[in-house]
Every structure is written in structure tokens, then in C-alpha cells.
N, C-alpha and C. Protein backbone atom coordinates (compact mmCIF):
# COMPACT_ATOMS: atom_id res chain seq x y z
N MET A 1 0.84 -1.17 0.00
CA MET A 1 0.00 0.00 0.00
C MET A 1 0.89 1.24 0.00
N GLU A 2 0.30 2.39 -0.24
CA GLU A 2 1.05 3.62 -0.41
C GLU A 2 1.68 4.09 0.90
N GLU A 3 2.64 5.00 0.75
CA GLU A 3 3.34 5.56 1.90
C GLU A 3 2.39 6.26 2.87
N ARG A 4 1.29 6.82 2.39
CA ARG A 4 0.39 7.54 3.29
C ARG A 4 -0.24 6.62 4.32
N ASN A 5 -0.14 5.35 4.17
CA ASN A 5 -0.69 4.39 5.14
C ASN A 5 0.42 3.71 5.93
N HIS A 6 1.54 4.37 6.09
CA HIS A 6 2.71 3.74 6.69
C HIS A 6 2.55 3.38 8.17
N TRP A 7 1.47 3.84 8.84
CA TRP A 7 1.24 3.46 10.23
C TRP A 7 0.08 2.48 10.37
N CYS A 8 -0.46 2.00 9.26
CA CYS A 8 -1.54 1.00 9.31
C CYS A 8 -1.07 -0.21 10.12
N PHE A 9 -1.91 -0.67 11.05
CA PHE A 9 -1.52 -1.83 11.86
C PHE A 9 -1.25 -3.05 10.99
N ALA A 10 -2.02 -3.26 9.95
CA ALA A 10 -1.88 -4.47 9.14
C ALA A 10 -0.76 -4.35 8.10
N CYS A 11 -0.66 -3.21 7.41
CA CYS A 11 0.28 -3.14 6.29
C CYS A 11 1.36 -2.08 6.44
N GLY A 12 1.30 -1.25 7.46
CA GLY A 12 2.25 -0.15 7.60
C GLY A 12 3.66 -0.62 7.90
N LYS A 13 4.60 -0.12 7.12
CA LYS A 13 6.00 -0.51 7.29
C LYS A 13 6.67 0.20 8.46
N LEU A 14 6.11 1.30 8.94
CA LEU A 14 6.71 2.03 10.05
C LEU A 14 6.09 1.67 11.39
N ASN A 15 5.09 0.84 11.39
CA ASN A 15 4.42 0.46 12.64
C ASN A 15 5.20 -0.69 13.29
N PRO A 16 5.93 -0.41 14.37
CA PRO A 16 6.79 -1.44 14.96
C PRO A 16 6.03 -2.61 15.59
N ILE A 17 4.75 -2.44 15.90
CA ILE A 17 3.99 -3.54 16.48
C ILE A 17 2.98 -4.12 15.48
N GLY A 18 3.00 -3.63 14.25
CA GLY A 18 2.05 -4.07 13.24
C GLY A 18 2.47 -5.37 12.57
N LEU A 19 1.59 -5.86 11.71
CA LEU A 19 1.83 -7.11 10.98
C LEU A 19 2.72 -6.91 9.76
N GLN A 20 2.80 -5.69 9.24
CA GLN A 20 3.64 -5.33 8.09
C GLN A 20 3.42 -6.25 6.90
N LEU A 21 2.15 -6.50 6.59
CA LEU A 21 1.79 -7.38 5.50
C LEU A 21 2.15 -6.76 4.15
N GLU A 22 2.54 -7.62 3.22
CA GLU A 22 2.78 -7.23 1.83
C GLU A 22 1.84 -8.05 0.97
N PHE A 23 1.35 -7.45 -0.10
CA PHE A 23 0.31 -8.07 -0.92
C PHE A 23 0.76 -8.22 -2.36
N GLU A 24 0.12 -9.16 -3.04
CA GLU A 24 0.34 -9.33 -4.48
C GLU A 24 -0.96 -9.80 -5.11
N GLN A 25 -1.13 -9.44 -6.37
CA GLN A 25 -2.28 -9.94 -7.12
C GLN A 25 -1.80 -11.05 -8.02
N VAL A 26 -2.50 -12.19 -7.95
CA VAL A 26 -2.19 -13.34 -8.78
C VAL A 26 -3.48 -13.71 -9.50
N GLY A 27 -3.57 -13.38 -10.77
CA GLY A 27 -4.80 -13.61 -11.50
C GLY A 27 -5.93 -12.79 -10.90
N GLU A 28 -7.01 -13.46 -10.55
CA GLU A 28 -8.17 -12.80 -9.96
C GLU A 28 -8.14 -12.85 -8.43
N GLU A 29 -6.98 -13.16 -7.88
CA GLU A 29 -6.85 -13.33 -6.43
C GLU A 29 -5.83 -12.33 -5.89
N TYR A 30 -6.11 -11.82 -4.70
CA TYR A 30 -5.21 -10.93 -3.99
C TYR A 30 -4.73 -11.70 -2.77
N ARG A 31 -3.45 -11.61 -2.44
CA ARG A 31 -2.96 -12.46 -1.35
C ARG A 31 -1.82 -11.83 -0.57
N THR A 32 -1.64 -12.39 0.62
CA THR A 32 -0.52 -12.04 1.47
C THR A 32 -0.11 -13.30 2.22
N THR A 33 1.12 -13.31 2.68
CA THR A 33 1.59 -14.42 3.50
C THR A 33 2.13 -13.84 4.82
N LEU A 34 2.03 -14.63 5.86
CA LEU A 34 2.56 -14.23 7.15
C LEU A 34 2.79 -15.47 7.99
N THR A 35 3.68 -15.33 8.94
CA THR A 35 3.90 -16.37 9.94
C THR A 35 3.67 -15.72 11.29
N PRO A 36 2.50 -16.01 11.92
CA PRO A 36 2.21 -15.38 13.20
C PRO A 36 3.23 -15.78 14.27
N LYS A 37 3.55 -14.80 15.10
CA LYS A 37 4.52 -15.00 16.16
C LYS A 37 3.81 -15.16 17.50
N GLN A 38 4.58 -15.46 18.51
CA GLN A 38 4.03 -15.67 19.85
C GLN A 38 3.22 -14.47 20.32
N GLU A 39 3.65 -13.25 19.97
CA GLU A 39 2.92 -12.06 20.40
C GLU A 39 1.58 -11.88 19.69
N HIS A 40 1.28 -12.75 18.72
CA HIS A 40 0.00 -12.70 18.00
C HIS A 40 -1.00 -13.73 18.50
N GLN A 41 -0.66 -14.41 19.57
CA GLN A 41 -1.53 -15.49 20.04
C GLN A 41 -2.59 -15.02 21.01
N GLY A 42 -3.66 -15.81 21.07
CA GLY A 42 -4.66 -15.70 22.12
C GLY A 42 -4.32 -16.80 23.11
N TYR A 43 -4.95 -17.97 22.93
CA TYR A 43 -4.56 -19.13 23.73
C TYR A 43 -3.20 -19.63 23.24
N ASP A 44 -2.49 -20.37 24.09
CA ASP A 44 -1.16 -20.86 23.73
C ASP A 44 -1.17 -21.55 22.38
N GLY A 45 -0.27 -21.08 21.51
CA GLY A 45 -0.06 -21.72 20.22
C GLY A 45 -1.10 -21.40 19.15
N ILE A 46 -2.08 -20.55 19.48
CA ILE A 46 -3.16 -20.26 18.53
C ILE A 46 -3.23 -18.75 18.30
N MET A 47 -3.29 -18.36 17.03
CA MET A 47 -3.39 -16.94 16.69
C MET A 47 -4.70 -16.37 17.24
N HIS A 48 -4.62 -15.17 17.79
CA HIS A 48 -5.79 -14.50 18.36
C HIS A 48 -6.84 -14.31 17.25
N GLY A 49 -8.08 -14.63 17.57
CA GLY A 49 -9.16 -14.54 16.59
C GLY A 49 -9.35 -13.15 16.03
N GLY A 50 -9.12 -12.13 16.84
CA GLY A 50 -9.23 -10.76 16.35
C GLY A 50 -8.19 -10.44 15.29
N LEU A 51 -7.01 -11.04 15.43
CA LEU A 51 -5.98 -10.83 14.42
C LEU A 51 -6.26 -11.64 13.16
N VAL A 52 -6.85 -12.81 13.31
CA VAL A 52 -7.29 -13.59 12.15
C VAL A 52 -8.29 -12.74 11.36
N SER A 53 -9.24 -12.15 12.06
CA SER A 53 -10.24 -11.28 11.44
C SER A 53 -9.58 -10.07 10.78
N THR A 54 -8.59 -9.49 11.44
CA THR A 54 -7.87 -8.34 10.89
C THR A 54 -7.21 -8.69 9.57
N VAL A 55 -6.55 -9.83 9.51
CA VAL A 55 -5.87 -10.25 8.28
C VAL A 55 -6.89 -10.44 7.15
N LEU A 56 -8.01 -11.09 7.44
CA LEU A 56 -9.04 -11.28 6.42
C LEU A 56 -9.61 -9.94 5.96
N ASP A 57 -9.90 -9.06 6.89
CA ASP A 57 -10.42 -7.74 6.54
C ASP A 57 -9.42 -7.00 5.65
N GLU A 58 -8.17 -7.05 6.01
CA GLU A 58 -7.14 -6.32 5.27
C GLU A 58 -6.95 -6.85 3.86
N VAL A 59 -6.96 -8.16 3.69
CA VAL A 59 -6.75 -8.70 2.35
C VAL A 59 -7.98 -8.45 1.46
N MET A 60 -9.19 -8.50 2.05
CA MET A 60 -10.39 -8.26 1.24
C MET A 60 -10.54 -6.78 0.88
N ALA A 61 -10.47 -5.88 1.86
CA ALA A 61 -10.59 -4.45 1.57
C ALA A 61 -9.37 -3.94 0.80
N GLY A 62 -8.22 -4.53 1.11
CA GLY A 62 -6.99 -4.13 0.42
C GLY A 62 -7.03 -4.41 -1.07
N TYR A 63 -7.75 -5.43 -1.46
CA TYR A 63 -7.88 -5.74 -2.88
C TYR A 63 -8.55 -4.57 -3.61
N ILE A 64 -9.61 -4.03 -3.03
CA ILE A 64 -10.31 -2.91 -3.66
C ILE A 64 -9.43 -1.67 -3.64
N TYR A 65 -8.70 -1.48 -2.56
CA TYR A 65 -7.74 -0.37 -2.47
C TYR A 65 -6.70 -0.49 -3.59
N ALA A 66 -6.22 -1.70 -3.83
CA ALA A 66 -5.21 -1.93 -4.87
C ALA A 66 -5.76 -1.63 -6.26
N LEU A 67 -7.07 -1.67 -6.41
CA LEU A 67 -7.69 -1.32 -7.70
C LEU A 67 -7.76 0.19 -7.91
N GLY A 68 -7.34 0.98 -6.91
CA GLY A 68 -7.28 2.42 -7.05
C GLY A 68 -8.35 3.19 -6.31
N PHE A 69 -9.05 2.53 -5.40
CA PHE A 69 -10.11 3.17 -4.64
C PHE A 69 -9.76 3.22 -3.17
N ASN A 70 -10.24 4.25 -2.47
CA ASN A 70 -10.29 4.15 -1.02
C ASN A 70 -11.35 3.11 -0.73
N ALA A 71 -11.12 2.28 0.21
CA ALA A 71 -12.05 1.18 0.48
C ALA A 71 -12.31 1.09 1.98
N VAL A 72 -13.57 0.96 2.32
CA VAL A 72 -13.94 0.77 3.72
C VAL A 72 -14.84 -0.44 3.82
N THR A 73 -14.65 -1.19 4.88
CA THR A 73 -15.46 -2.38 5.10
C THR A 73 -16.79 -1.96 5.70
N ALA A 74 -17.87 -2.34 5.02
CA ALA A 74 -19.21 -2.04 5.51
C ALA A 74 -19.74 -3.18 6.37
N ARG A 75 -19.32 -4.40 6.05
CA ARG A 75 -19.76 -5.58 6.80
C ARG A 75 -18.67 -6.63 6.71
N LEU A 76 -18.45 -7.34 7.80
CA LEU A 76 -17.43 -8.39 7.83
C LEU A 76 -17.98 -9.57 8.62
N GLU A 77 -17.84 -10.74 8.04
CA GLU A 77 -18.25 -11.98 8.71
C GLU A 77 -17.08 -12.95 8.63
N VAL A 78 -16.73 -13.55 9.76
CA VAL A 78 -15.63 -14.51 9.80
C VAL A 78 -16.13 -15.83 10.33
N ARG A 79 -15.77 -16.89 9.66
CA ARG A 79 -16.06 -18.25 10.14
C ARG A 79 -14.73 -18.90 10.47
N TYR A 80 -14.56 -19.22 11.73
CA TYR A 80 -13.33 -19.88 12.19
C TYR A 80 -13.55 -21.38 12.06
N ARG A 81 -12.82 -22.01 11.15
CA ARG A 81 -13.01 -23.44 10.90
C ARG A 81 -12.09 -24.31 11.74
N LYS A 82 -10.89 -23.84 12.02
CA LYS A 82 -9.91 -24.56 12.83
C LYS A 82 -9.05 -23.52 13.53
N PRO A 83 -8.43 -23.86 14.63
CA PRO A 83 -7.49 -22.91 15.24
C PRO A 83 -6.37 -22.57 14.24
N THR A 84 -6.00 -21.32 14.18
CA THR A 84 -4.91 -20.87 13.31
C THR A 84 -3.63 -20.87 14.14
N PRO A 85 -2.69 -21.75 13.80
CA PRO A 85 -1.51 -21.93 14.66
C PRO A 85 -0.49 -20.80 14.54
N ILE A 86 0.21 -20.60 15.63
CA ILE A 86 1.36 -19.69 15.69
C ILE A 86 2.56 -20.42 15.10
N GLY A 87 3.43 -19.69 14.41
CA GLY A 87 4.70 -20.25 13.95
C GLY A 87 4.63 -21.01 12.64
N GLN A 88 3.47 -21.08 12.00
CA GLN A 88 3.36 -21.74 10.70
C GLN A 88 3.04 -20.70 9.64
N PRO A 89 3.63 -20.83 8.45
CA PRO A 89 3.33 -19.88 7.39
C PRO A 89 1.86 -19.99 6.98
N LEU A 90 1.24 -18.83 6.81
CA LEU A 90 -0.16 -18.77 6.40
C LEU A 90 -0.26 -17.98 5.11
N THR A 91 -1.24 -18.32 4.30
CA THR A 91 -1.56 -17.54 3.11
C THR A 91 -3.00 -17.08 3.24
N ALA A 92 -3.20 -15.77 3.14
CA ALA A 92 -4.54 -15.19 3.16
C ALA A 92 -4.85 -14.70 1.75
N THR A 93 -6.02 -15.06 1.24
CA THR A 93 -6.40 -14.69 -0.11
C THR A 93 -7.78 -14.04 -0.11
N ALA A 94 -8.01 -13.25 -1.14
CA ALA A 94 -9.31 -12.62 -1.32
C ALA A 94 -9.66 -12.63 -2.80
N ARG A 95 -10.96 -12.66 -3.05
CA ARG A 95 -11.45 -12.55 -4.43
C ARG A 95 -12.75 -11.78 -4.41
N ILE A 96 -13.04 -11.18 -5.54
CA ILE A 96 -14.29 -10.46 -5.70
C ILE A 96 -15.36 -11.45 -6.12
N VAL A 97 -16.45 -11.49 -5.38
CA VAL A 97 -17.57 -12.38 -5.68
C VAL A 97 -18.58 -11.67 -6.58
N GLN A 98 -18.85 -10.40 -6.25
CA GLN A 98 -19.86 -9.65 -7.00
C GLN A 98 -19.63 -8.16 -6.79
N LYS A 99 -19.97 -7.37 -7.80
CA LYS A 99 -19.88 -5.91 -7.70
C LYS A 99 -21.25 -5.33 -7.99
N ARG A 100 -21.71 -4.44 -7.11
CA ARG A 100 -22.98 -3.72 -7.31
C ARG A 100 -22.72 -2.25 -7.04
N GLY A 101 -22.61 -1.47 -8.10
CA GLY A 101 -22.29 -0.06 -7.93
C GLY A 101 -20.93 0.09 -7.28
N ARG A 102 -20.89 0.78 -6.14
CA ARG A 102 -19.63 0.97 -5.40
C ARG A 102 -19.38 -0.13 -4.38
N MET A 103 -20.31 -1.08 -4.27
CA MET A 103 -20.19 -2.14 -3.26
C MET A 103 -19.62 -3.41 -3.88
N TYR A 104 -18.64 -3.96 -3.21
CA TYR A 104 -18.02 -5.22 -3.64
C TYR A 104 -18.30 -6.28 -2.59
N GLU A 105 -18.82 -7.40 -3.03
CA GLU A 105 -18.96 -8.57 -2.15
C GLU A 105 -17.67 -9.37 -2.30
N MET A 106 -17.00 -9.61 -1.19
CA MET A 106 -15.69 -10.25 -1.19
C MET A 106 -15.74 -11.58 -0.45
N ALA A 107 -14.83 -12.46 -0.82
CA ALA A 107 -14.63 -13.71 -0.09
C ALA A 107 -13.14 -13.83 0.19
N GLY A 108 -12.82 -14.34 1.37
CA GLY A 108 -11.42 -14.50 1.74
C GLY A 108 -11.23 -15.76 2.55
N GLU A 109 -9.98 -16.18 2.65
CA GLU A 109 -9.67 -17.36 3.47
C GLU A 109 -8.22 -17.31 3.90
N ILE A 110 -7.96 -18.03 4.98
CA ILE A 110 -6.60 -18.23 5.47
C ILE A 110 -6.32 -19.72 5.40
N ARG A 111 -5.17 -20.05 4.80
CA ARG A 111 -4.79 -21.45 4.61
C ARG A 111 -3.42 -21.74 5.23
N LEU A 112 -3.29 -22.98 5.69
CA LEU A 112 -2.00 -23.51 6.14
C LEU A 112 -1.23 -23.99 4.92
N PRO A 113 0.05 -24.30 5.05
CA PRO A 113 0.84 -24.77 3.91
C PRO A 113 0.27 -26.03 3.24
N ASP A 114 -0.41 -26.88 4.00
CA ASP A 114 -0.98 -28.10 3.41
C ASP A 114 -2.34 -27.86 2.74
N GLY A 115 -2.80 -26.59 2.71
CA GLY A 115 -4.06 -26.25 2.07
C GLY A 115 -5.25 -26.21 3.01
N THR A 116 -5.07 -26.62 4.26
CA THR A 116 -6.17 -26.58 5.22
C THR A 116 -6.62 -25.15 5.45
N ILE A 117 -7.92 -24.92 5.36
CA ILE A 117 -8.49 -23.60 5.62
C ILE A 117 -8.76 -23.49 7.12
N THR A 118 -8.20 -22.44 7.73
CA THR A 118 -8.45 -22.22 9.16
C THR A 118 -9.56 -21.20 9.39
N ALA A 119 -9.74 -20.28 8.45
CA ALA A 119 -10.79 -19.26 8.60
C ALA A 119 -11.24 -18.78 7.22
N GLU A 120 -12.52 -18.46 7.15
CA GLU A 120 -13.10 -17.90 5.93
C GLU A 120 -13.74 -16.57 6.26
N GLY A 121 -13.72 -15.67 5.32
CA GLY A 121 -14.35 -14.37 5.52
C GLY A 121 -15.24 -14.00 4.37
N LYS A 122 -16.26 -13.22 4.69
CA LYS A 122 -17.11 -12.58 3.71
C LYS A 122 -17.16 -11.12 4.10
N ALA A 123 -17.10 -10.24 3.12
CA ALA A 123 -17.15 -8.81 3.42
C ALA A 123 -17.89 -8.07 2.33
N THR A 124 -18.52 -7.00 2.73
CA THR A 124 -19.01 -6.00 1.80
C THR A 124 -18.10 -4.81 1.95
N VAL A 125 -17.46 -4.42 0.86
CA VAL A 125 -16.50 -3.34 0.88
C VAL A 125 -17.01 -2.23 -0.04
N MET A 126 -17.03 -1.01 0.48
CA MET A 126 -17.46 0.13 -0.31
C MET A 126 -16.25 0.83 -0.88
N ALA A 127 -16.30 1.10 -2.16
CA ALA A 127 -15.20 1.80 -2.85
C ALA A 127 -15.61 3.23 -3.15
N ALA A 128 -14.64 4.13 -3.06
CA ALA A 128 -14.84 5.53 -3.43
C ALA A 128 -13.59 5.98 -4.16
N LYS A 129 -13.75 6.84 -5.11
CA LYS A 129 -12.58 7.41 -5.78
C LYS A 129 -11.70 8.08 -4.74
N GLU A 130 -10.40 8.08 -4.96
CA GLU A 130 -9.45 8.67 -4.02
C GLU A 130 -9.88 10.05 -3.54
N GLU A 131 -10.30 10.91 -4.46
CA GLU A 131 -10.60 12.28 -4.10
C GLU A 131 -11.97 12.44 -3.41
N SER A 132 -12.77 11.38 -3.37
CA SER A 132 -14.11 11.46 -2.80
C SER A 132 -14.14 11.37 -1.28
N ILE A 133 -13.15 10.78 -0.68
CA ILE A 133 -13.18 10.61 0.80
C ILE A 133 -12.33 11.68 1.45
């Protein structure tokens, strides 16, 4: 993301306690990878659910931002399918399910290296031209 967001908890490079996520677009999918650390846990060995939600929110809304819009999440739903472990590489992905005007229906997921899905997300993200917000 751009320099103006350098203190974002999820993607900001200057935020010393942030996740410092980096993103890439691969085909119709937007993704990031991370390996949660001990300081990201809730219960021992398990990533805090709020941070799981944060990663899903960031990859889904970030996709619309990467398309050139300011993007805000209007609705977010997370389904936790399995505990998300600390210390294992994770891949979070997002895709656009449907677009209606400025509203994007998004789907996202977090996967372990073996392909196991630990969490799924659905979001409605509102897009606005940069100069509109």
C-alpha cells in the first residue's frame, strides 16, 4: 500500500507492532503471507481470533484499495473453521464475488501450507474514488 498508510496496523512498514503485510495480485486473487509469532496469540499456540479477522479484513478491503479506490469495510463476517496456529506460514487470499455499484462482495480465506483452511471471511467493501473521501 502507499506511503500515506505507513502506520496502518496491518500493512504499515513504520508500525513497529504491526503485521507489516505485503500483498500481491495473482490472476483474480489478492494475497498475502505471514507467519504469526508468539505475540500474535490468544490461547497458547493459537493466533488470536481478532488478528485472524484483521488479516481477512485487510486482504479483502486491500484488494479494492489496490484497484485504485479508497475502500472501507461495511460488513465483515468470519467463520473460524480450525485454530490458526502460531509459527506456521499462512496464506490469506481474497477474491471479488460480486460488484454492485460501489459495493463489492468479497470472499477470503486463510490457509495452512498443506491447504487446510483455518478461517473464511465474507465482506461487503465500499469503494470511493481517491478524491471522494
